[in-house]
Amino acid sequence: MTPFETIEIEAMMAACDGGGGPLGHPKVYLSLAPLGRVECPYCSRLFVNRAIAPSDKIGAGESPPEGPAEGSRA
């Protein structure tokens, strides 16, 4: 599912109330750790830390590539 809106921020914690005043949703605080991005479970807004998340994939619904798991012998 494509996020409703992508919001770039400088922090690792986002607050979302859905916008729209009384037509929004309860305010929730969302942690962007560990990927530097998080999607609001109520309104699907995507919050992205522009210093961490790769800008070429913002809004594409893709996660950054993961390295080898800890303890693996790659």
PDB file of N, CA and C in Angstrom:
ATOM      1  N   MET A   1       0.848  -1.181   0.000  1.00  0.00           N
ATOM      2  CA  MET A   1       0.000   0.000   0.000  1.00  0.00           C
ATOM      3  C   MET A   1       0.891   1.241   0.000  1.00  0.00           C
ATOM      4  N   THR A   2       0.601   2.185  -0.851  1.00  0.00           N
ATOM      5  CA  THR A   2       1.368   3.412  -0.947  1.00  0.00           C
ATOM      6  C   THR A   2       0.994   4.348   0.200  1.00  0.00           C
ATOM      7  N   PRO A   3       1.992   4.929   0.878  1.00  0.00           N
ATOM      8  CA  PRO A   3       1.685   5.846   1.967  1.00  0.00           C
ATOM      9  C   PRO A   3       0.880   7.048   1.472  1.00  0.00           C
ATOM     10  N   PHE A   4       0.041   7.588   2.332  1.00  0.00           N
ATOM     11  CA  PHE A   4      -0.814   8.720   2.022  1.00  0.00           C
ATOM     12  C   PHE A   4       0.008   9.958   1.702  1.00  0.00           C
ATOM     13  N   GLU A   5       1.023  10.216   2.513  1.00  0.00           N
ATOM     14  CA  GLU A   5       1.830  11.425   2.384  1.00  0.00           C
ATOM     15  C   GLU A   5       3.203  11.137   2.976  1.00  0.00           C
ATOM     16  N   THR A   6       4.264  11.659   2.399  1.00  0.00           N
ATOM     17  CA  THR A   6       5.603  11.485   2.936  1.00  0.00           C
ATOM     18  C   THR A   6       6.057  12.804   3.544  1.00  0.00           C
ATOM     19  N   ILE A   7       6.470  12.741   4.820  1.00  0.00           N
ATOM     20  CA  ILE A   7       6.910  13.926   5.541  1.00  0.00           C
ATOM     21  C   ILE A   7       8.352  13.716   5.972  1.00  0.00           C
ATOM     22  N   GLU A   8       9.241  14.564   5.492  1.00  0.00           N
ATOM     23  CA  GLU A   8      10.650  14.483   5.870  1.00  0.00           C
ATOM     24  C   GLU A   8      10.870  15.314   7.127  1.00  0.00           C
ATOM     25  N   ILE A   9      11.560  14.720   8.117  1.00  0.00           N
ATOM     26  CA  ILE A   9      11.838  15.408   9.369  1.00  0.00           C
ATOM     27  C   ILE A   9      13.305  15.232   9.732  1.00  0.00           C
ATOM     28  N   GLU A  10      13.773  15.991  10.706  1.00  0.00           N
ATOM     29  CA  GLU A  10      15.159  15.938  11.168  1.00  0.00           C
ATOM     30  C   GLU A  10      15.316  15.056  12.403  1.00  0.00           C
ATOM     31  N   ALA A  11      14.226  14.711  13.076  1.00  0.00           N
ATOM     32  CA  ALA A  11      14.265  13.996  14.351  1.00  0.00           C
ATOM     33  C   ALA A  11      14.054  12.494  14.168  1.00  0.00           C
ATOM     34  N   MET A  12      14.254  11.748  15.245  1.00  0.00           N
ATOM     35  CA  MET A  12      14.016  10.296  15.230  1.00  0.00           C
ATOM     36  C   MET A  12      12.690   9.941  15.909  1.00  0.00           C
ATOM     37  N   MET A  13      11.884  10.958  16.254  1.00  0.00           N
ATOM     38  CA  MET A  13      10.572  10.749  16.855  1.00  0.00           C
ATOM     39  C   MET A  13       9.604  11.681  16.144  1.00  0.00           C
ATOM     40  N   ALA A  14       8.479  11.127  15.708  1.00  0.00           N
ATOM     41  CA  ALA A  14       7.464  11.928  15.019  1.00  0.00           C
ATOM     42  C   ALA A  14       6.171  11.883  15.816  1.00  0.00           C
ATOM     43  N   ALA A  15       5.429  12.972  15.765  1.00  0.00           N
ATOM     44  CA  ALA A  15       4.101  13.031  16.372  1.00  0.00           C
ATOM     45  C   ALA A  15       3.106  13.202  15.235  1.00  0.00           C
ATOM     46  N   CYS A  16       2.069  12.378  15.219  1.00  0.00           N
ATOM     47  CA  CYS A  16       1.072  12.446  14.155  1.00  0.00           C
ATOM     48  C   CYS A  16      -0.321  12.479  14.766  1.00  0.00           C
ATOM     49  N   ASP A  17      -1.141  13.431  14.286  1.00  0.00           N
ATOM     50  CA  ASP A  17      -2.543  13.484  14.720  1.00  0.00           C
ATOM     51  C   ASP A  17      -3.487  13.396  13.526  1.00  0.00           C
ATOM     52  N   GLY A  18      -2.931  13.060  12.378  1.00  0.00           N
ATOM     53  CA  GLY A  18      -3.742  12.894  11.177  1.00  0.00           C
ATOM     54  C   GLY A  18      -4.079  14.186  10.464  1.00  0.00           C
ATOM     55  N   GLY A  19      -3.769  15.316  11.084  1.00  0.00           N
ATOM     56  CA  GLY A  19      -4.122  16.599  10.470  1.00  0.00           C
ATOM     57  C   GLY A  19      -5.629  16.763  10.420  1.00  0.00           C
ATOM     58  N   GLY A  20      -6.075  17.832   9.882  1.00  0.00           N
ATOM     59  CA  GLY A  20      -7.516  18.017   9.702  1.00  0.00           C
ATOM     60  C   GLY A  20      -8.270  18.349  10.968  1.00  0.00           C
ATOM     61  N   GLY A  21      -7.580  18.776  12.037  1.00  0.00           N
ATOM     62  CA  GLY A  21      -8.256  19.154  13.279  1.00  0.00           C
ATOM     63  C   GLY A  21      -9.095  18.036  13.852  1.00  0.00           C
ATOM     64  N   PRO A  22     -10.390  18.262  14.089  1.00  0.00           N
ATOM     65  CA  PRO A  22     -11.239  17.236  14.703  1.00  0.00           C
ATOM     66  C   PRO A  22     -11.485  16.023  13.806  1.00  0.00           C
ATOM     67  N   LEU A  23     -11.120  16.122  12.529  1.00  0.00           N
ATOM     68  CA  LEU A  23     -11.304  14.997  11.618  1.00  0.00           C
ATOM     69  C   LEU A  23     -10.077  14.101  11.555  1.00  0.00           C
ATOM     70  N   GLY A  24      -9.061  14.408  12.361  1.00  0.00           N
ATOM     71  CA  GLY A  24      -7.839  13.607  12.382  1.00  0.00           C
ATOM     72  C   GLY A  24      -8.019  12.352  13.219  1.00  0.00           C
ATOM     73  N   HIS A  25      -6.958  11.970  13.923  1.00  0.00           N
ATOM     74  CA  HIS A  25      -6.996  10.795  14.797  1.00  0.00           C
ATOM     75  C   HIS A  25      -6.273  11.130  16.091  1.00  0.00           C
ATOM     76  N   PRO A  26      -6.318  10.257  17.107  1.00  0.00           N
ATOM     77  CA  PRO A  26      -5.596  10.543  18.351  1.00  0.00           C
ATOM     78  C   PRO A  26      -4.113  10.750  18.063  1.00  0.00           C
ATOM     79  N   LYS A  27      -3.485  11.686  18.777  1.00  0.00           N
ATOM     80  CA  LYS A  27      -2.060  11.948  18.577  1.00  0.00           C
ATOM     81  C   LYS A  27      -1.254  10.742  19.025  1.00  0.00           C
ATOM     82  N   VAL A  28      -0.367  10.284  18.153  1.00  0.00           N
ATOM     83  CA  VAL A  28       0.534   9.176  18.464  1.00  0.00           C
ATOM     84  C   VAL A  28       1.962   9.636  18.228  1.00  0.00           C
ATOM     85  N   TYR A  29       2.874   9.076  19.018  1.00  0.00           N
ATOM     86  CA  TYR A  29       4.294   9.358  18.876  1.00  0.00           C
ATOM     87  C   TYR A  29       4.942   8.113  18.278  1.00  0.00           C
ATOM     88  N   LEU A  30       5.680   8.296  17.193  1.00  0.00           N
ATOM     89  CA  LEU A  30       6.234   7.184  16.441  1.00  0.00           C
ATOM     90  C   LEU A  30       7.755   7.282  16.385  1.00  0.00           C
ATOM     91  N   SER A  31       8.421   6.187  16.703  1.00  0.00           N
ATOM     92  CA  SER A  31       9.881   6.135  16.638  1.00  0.00           C
ATOM     93  C   SER A  31      10.313   5.736  15.232  1.00  0.00           C
ATOM     94  N   LEU A  32      11.283   6.459  14.684  1.00  0.00           N
ATOM     95  CA  LEU A  32      11.787   6.168  13.346  1.00  0.00           C
ATOM     96  C   LEU A  32      12.915   5.144  13.370  1.00  0.00           C
ATOM     97  N   ALA A  33      13.340   4.714  14.553  1.00  0.00           N
ATOM     98  CA  ALA A  33      14.431   3.734  14.668  1.00  0.00           C
ATOM     99  C   ALA A  33      13.910   2.361  14.265  1.00  0.00           C
ATOM    100  N   PRO A  34      14.693   1.508  13.701  1.00  0.00           N
ATOM    101  CA  PRO A  34      16.098   1.611  13.330  1.00  0.00           C
ATOM    102  C   PRO A  34      16.320   2.051  11.881  1.00  0.00           C
ATOM    103  N   LEU A  35      15.259   2.135  11.055  1.00  0.00           N
ATOM    104  CA  LEU A  35      15.437   2.394   9.621  1.00  0.00           C
ATOM    105  C   LEU A  35      15.395   3.867   9.227  1.00  0.00           C
ATOM    106  N   GLY A  36      15.022   4.742  10.175  1.00  0.00           N
ATOM    107  CA  GLY A  36      14.926   6.151   9.844  1.00  0.00           C
ATOM    108  C   GLY A  36      13.622   6.503   9.149  1.00  0.00           C
ATOM    109  N   ARG A  37      12.631   5.628   9.278  1.00  0.00           N
ATOM    110  CA  ARG A  37      11.326   5.851   8.663  1.00  0.00           C
ATOM    111  C   ARG A  37      10.265   5.073   9.426  1.00  0.00           C
ATOM    112  N   VAL A  38       9.043   5.575   9.427  1.00  0.00           N
ATOM    113  CA  VAL A  38       7.927   4.881  10.065  1.00  0.00           C
ATOM    114  C   VAL A  38       6.629   5.355   9.420  1.00  0.00           C
ATOM    115  N   GLU A  39       5.661   4.443   9.320  1.00  0.00           N
ATOM    116  CA  GLU A  39       4.356   4.775   8.770  1.00  0.00           C
ATOM    117  C   GLU A  39       3.343   4.828   9.901  1.00  0.00           C
ATOM    118  N   CYS A  40       2.516   5.873   9.911  1.00  0.00           N
ATOM    119  CA  CYS A  40       1.494   6.013  10.946  1.00  0.00           C
ATOM    120  C   CYS A  40       0.448   4.903  10.778  1.00  0.00           C
ATOM    121  N   PRO A  41       0.129   4.186  11.865  1.00  0.00           N
ATOM    122  CA  PRO A  41      -0.848   3.094  11.752  1.00  0.00           C
ATOM    123  C   PRO A  41      -2.279   3.587  11.533  1.00  0.00           C
ATOM    124  N   TYR A  42      -2.556   4.854  11.826  1.00  0.00           N
ATOM    125  CA  TYR A  42      -3.902   5.390  11.631  1.00  0.00           C
ATOM    126  C   TYR A  42      -4.126   5.929  10.219  1.00  0.00           C
ATOM    127  N   CYS A  43      -3.221   6.785   9.754  1.00  0.00           N
ATOM    128  CA  CYS A  43      -3.485   7.506   8.503  1.00  0.00           C
ATOM    129  C   CYS A  43      -2.505   7.187   7.373  1.00  0.00           C
ATOM    130  N   SER A  44      -1.528   6.340   7.632  1.00  0.00           N
ATOM    131  CA  SER A  44      -0.553   5.895   6.633  1.00  0.00           C
ATOM    132  C   SER A  44       0.410   6.978   6.170  1.00  0.00           C
ATOM    133  N   ARG A  45       0.518   8.077   6.905  1.00  0.00           N
ATOM    134  CA  ARG A  45       1.557   9.055   6.577  1.00  0.00           C
ATOM    135  C   ARG A  45       2.905   8.406   6.830  1.00  0.00           C
ATOM    136  N   LEU A  46       3.855   8.664   5.945  1.00  0.00           N
ATOM    137  CA  LEU A  46       5.196   8.114   6.095  1.00  0.00           C
ATOM    138  C   LEU A  46       6.114   9.223   6.585  1.00  0.00           C
ATOM    139  N   PHE A  47       6.737   9.017   7.752  1.00  0.00           N
ATOM    140  CA  PHE A  47       7.698   9.965   8.303  1.00  0.00           C
ATOM    141  C   PHE A  47       9.091   9.423   8.025  1.00  0.00           C
ATOM    142  N   VAL A  48       9.950  10.274   7.460  1.00  0.00           N
ATOM    143  CA  VAL A  48      11.288   9.862   7.046  1.00  0.00           C
ATOM    144  C   VAL A  48      12.305  10.845   7.600  1.00  0.00           C
ATOM    145  N   ASN A  49      13.354  10.310   8.234  1.00  0.00           N
ATOM    146  CA  ASN A  49      14.464  11.148   8.671  1.00  0.00           C
ATOM    147  C   ASN A  49      15.374  11.311   7.472  1.00  0.00           C
ATOM    148  N   ARG A  50      15.468  12.523   6.957  1.00  0.00           N
ATOM    149  CA  ARG A  50      16.208  12.744   5.704  1.00  0.00           C
ATOM    150  C   ARG A  50      17.691  12.484   5.832  1.00  0.00           C
ATOM    151  N   ALA A  51      18.234  12.456   7.055  1.00  0.00           N
ATOM    152  CA  ALA A  51      19.665  12.201   7.235  1.00  0.00           C
ATOM    153  C   ALA A  51      19.979  10.706   7.214  1.00  0.00           C
ATOM    154  N   ILE A  52      18.984   9.843   7.433  1.00  0.00           N
ATOM    155  CA  ILE A  52      19.224   8.405   7.537  1.00  0.00           C
ATOM    156  C   ILE A  52      18.674   7.627   6.347  1.00  0.00           C
ATOM    157  N   ALA A  53      17.422   7.850   6.007  1.00  0.00           N
ATOM    158  CA  ALA A  53      16.780   7.077   4.936  1.00  0.00           C
ATOM    159  C   ALA A  53      17.293   7.537   3.580  1.00  0.00           C
ATOM    160  N   PRO A  54      17.564   6.613   2.668  1.00  0.00           N
ATOM    161  CA  PRO A  54      18.024   6.996   1.334  1.00  0.00           C
ATOM    162  C   PRO A  54      16.928   7.761   0.590  1.00  0.00           C
ATOM    163  N   SER A  55      17.241   8.958   0.101  1.00  0.00           N
ATOM    164  CA  SER A  55      16.232   9.821  -0.510  1.00  0.00           C
ATOM    165  C   SER A  55      15.687   9.259  -1.815  1.00  0.00           C
ATOM    166  N   ASP A  56      16.447   8.432  -2.522  1.00  0.00           N
ATOM    167  CA  ASP A  56      15.964   7.899  -3.794  1.00  0.00           C
ATOM    168  C   ASP A  56      14.865   6.863  -3.618  1.00  0.00           C
ATOM    169  N   LYS A  57      14.661   6.357  -2.400  1.00  0.00           N
ATOM    170  CA  LYS A  57      13.636   5.348  -2.185  1.00  0.00           C
ATOM    171  C   LYS A  57      12.504   5.864  -1.309  1.00  0.00           C
ATOM    172  N   ILE A  58      12.511   7.148  -0.968  1.00  0.00           N
ATOM    173  CA  ILE A  58      11.454   7.701  -0.125  1.00  0.00           C
ATOM    174  C   ILE A  58      10.126   7.558  -0.847  1.00  0.00           C
ATOM    175  N   GLY A  59       9.171   6.970  -0.157  1.00  0.00           N
ATOM    176  CA  GLY A  59       7.840   6.811  -0.713  1.00  0.00           C
ATOM    177  C   GLY A  59       7.691   5.611  -1.625  1.00  0.00           C
ATOM    178  N   ALA A  60       8.768   4.902  -1.891  1.00  0.00           N
ATOM    179  CA  ALA A  60       8.694   3.767  -2.810  1.00  0.00           C
ATOM    180  C   ALA A  60       8.255   2.491  -2.104  1.00  0.00           C
ATOM    181  N   GLY A  61       8.130   2.551  -0.760  1.00  0.00           N
ATOM    182  CA  GLY A  61       7.710   1.379  -0.015  1.00  0.00           C
ATOM    183  C   GLY A  61       8.795   0.344   0.133  1.00  0.00           C
ATOM    184  N   GLU A  62      10.050   0.739  -0.109  1.00  0.00           N
ATOM    185  CA  GLU A  62      11.163  -0.187  -0.009  1.00  0.00           C
ATOM    186  C   GLU A  62      11.963   0.097   1.247  1.00  0.00           C
ATOM    187  N   SER A  63      12.545  -0.935   1.811  1.00  0.00           N
ATOM    188  CA  SER A  63      13.419  -0.797   2.963  1.00  0.00           C
ATOM    189  C   SER A  63      14.859  -0.797   2.496  1.00  0.00           C
ATOM    190  N   PRO A  64      15.743  -0.107   3.241  1.00  0.00           N
ATOM    191  CA  PRO A  64      17.152  -0.164   2.875  1.00  0.00           C
ATOM    192  C   PRO A  64      17.657  -1.598   2.965  1.00  0.00           C
ATOM    193  N   PRO A  65      18.636  -1.975   2.154  1.00  0.00           N
ATOM    194  CA  PRO A  65      19.151  -3.345   2.203  1.00  0.00           C
ATOM    195  C   PRO A  65      19.779  -3.635   3.551  1.00  0.00           C
ATOM    196  N   GLU A  66      19.561  -4.853   4.027  1.00  0.00           N
ATOM    197  CA  GLU A  66      20.117  -5.250   5.315  1.00  0.00           C
ATOM    198  C   GLU A  66      21.427  -5.988   5.084  1.00  0.00           C
ATOM    199  N   GLY A  67      22.365  -5.793   6.005  1.00  0.00           N
ATOM    200  CA  GLY A  67      23.640  -6.485   5.935  1.00  0.00           C
ATOM    201  C   GLY A  67      23.498  -7.884   6.496  1.00  0.00           C
ATOM    202  N   PRO A  68      24.613  -8.629   6.569  1.00  0.00           N
ATOM    203  CA  PRO A  68      24.546  -9.974   7.135  1.00  0.00           C
ATOM    204  C   PRO A  68      24.121  -9.919   8.597  1.00  0.00           C
ATOM    205  N   ALA A  69      23.393 -10.920   9.038  1.00  0.00           N
ATOM    206  CA  ALA A  69      22.934 -10.978  10.422  1.00  0.00           C
ATOM    207  C   ALA A  69      24.119 -11.124  11.368  1.00  0.00           C
ATOM    208  N   GLU A  70      23.918 -10.621  12.579  1.00  0.00           N
ATOM    209  CA  GLU A  70      24.982 -10.746  13.580  1.00  0.00           C
ATOM    210  C   GLU A  70      25.306 -12.205  13.814  1.00  0.00           C
ATOM    211  N   GLY A  71      26.567 -12.485  13.922  1.00  0.00           N
ATOM    212  CA  GLY A  71      26.996 -13.838  14.216  1.00  0.00           C
ATOM    213  C   GLY A  71      27.104 -14.723  12.987  1.00  0.00           C
ATOM    214  N   SER A  72      26.679 -14.203  11.823  1.00  0.00           N
ATOM    215  CA  SER A  72      26.782 -15.038  10.630  1.00  0.00           C
ATOM    216  C   SER A  72      28.204 -14.950  10.074  1.00  0.00           C
ATOM    217  N   ARG A  73      28.570 -15.949   9.324  1.00  0.00           N
ATOM    218  CA  ARG A  73      29.908 -15.978   8.741  1.00  0.00           C
ATOM    219  C   ARG A  73      29.769 -15.782   7.240  1.00  0.00           C
ATOM    220  N   ALA A  74      29.719 -14.518   6.858  1.00  0.00           N
ATOM    221  CA  ALA A  74      29.542 -14.212   5.435  1.00  0.00           C
ATOM    222  C   ALA A  74      30.863 -14.054   4.738  1.00  0.00           C
TER     223      ALA A  74
END
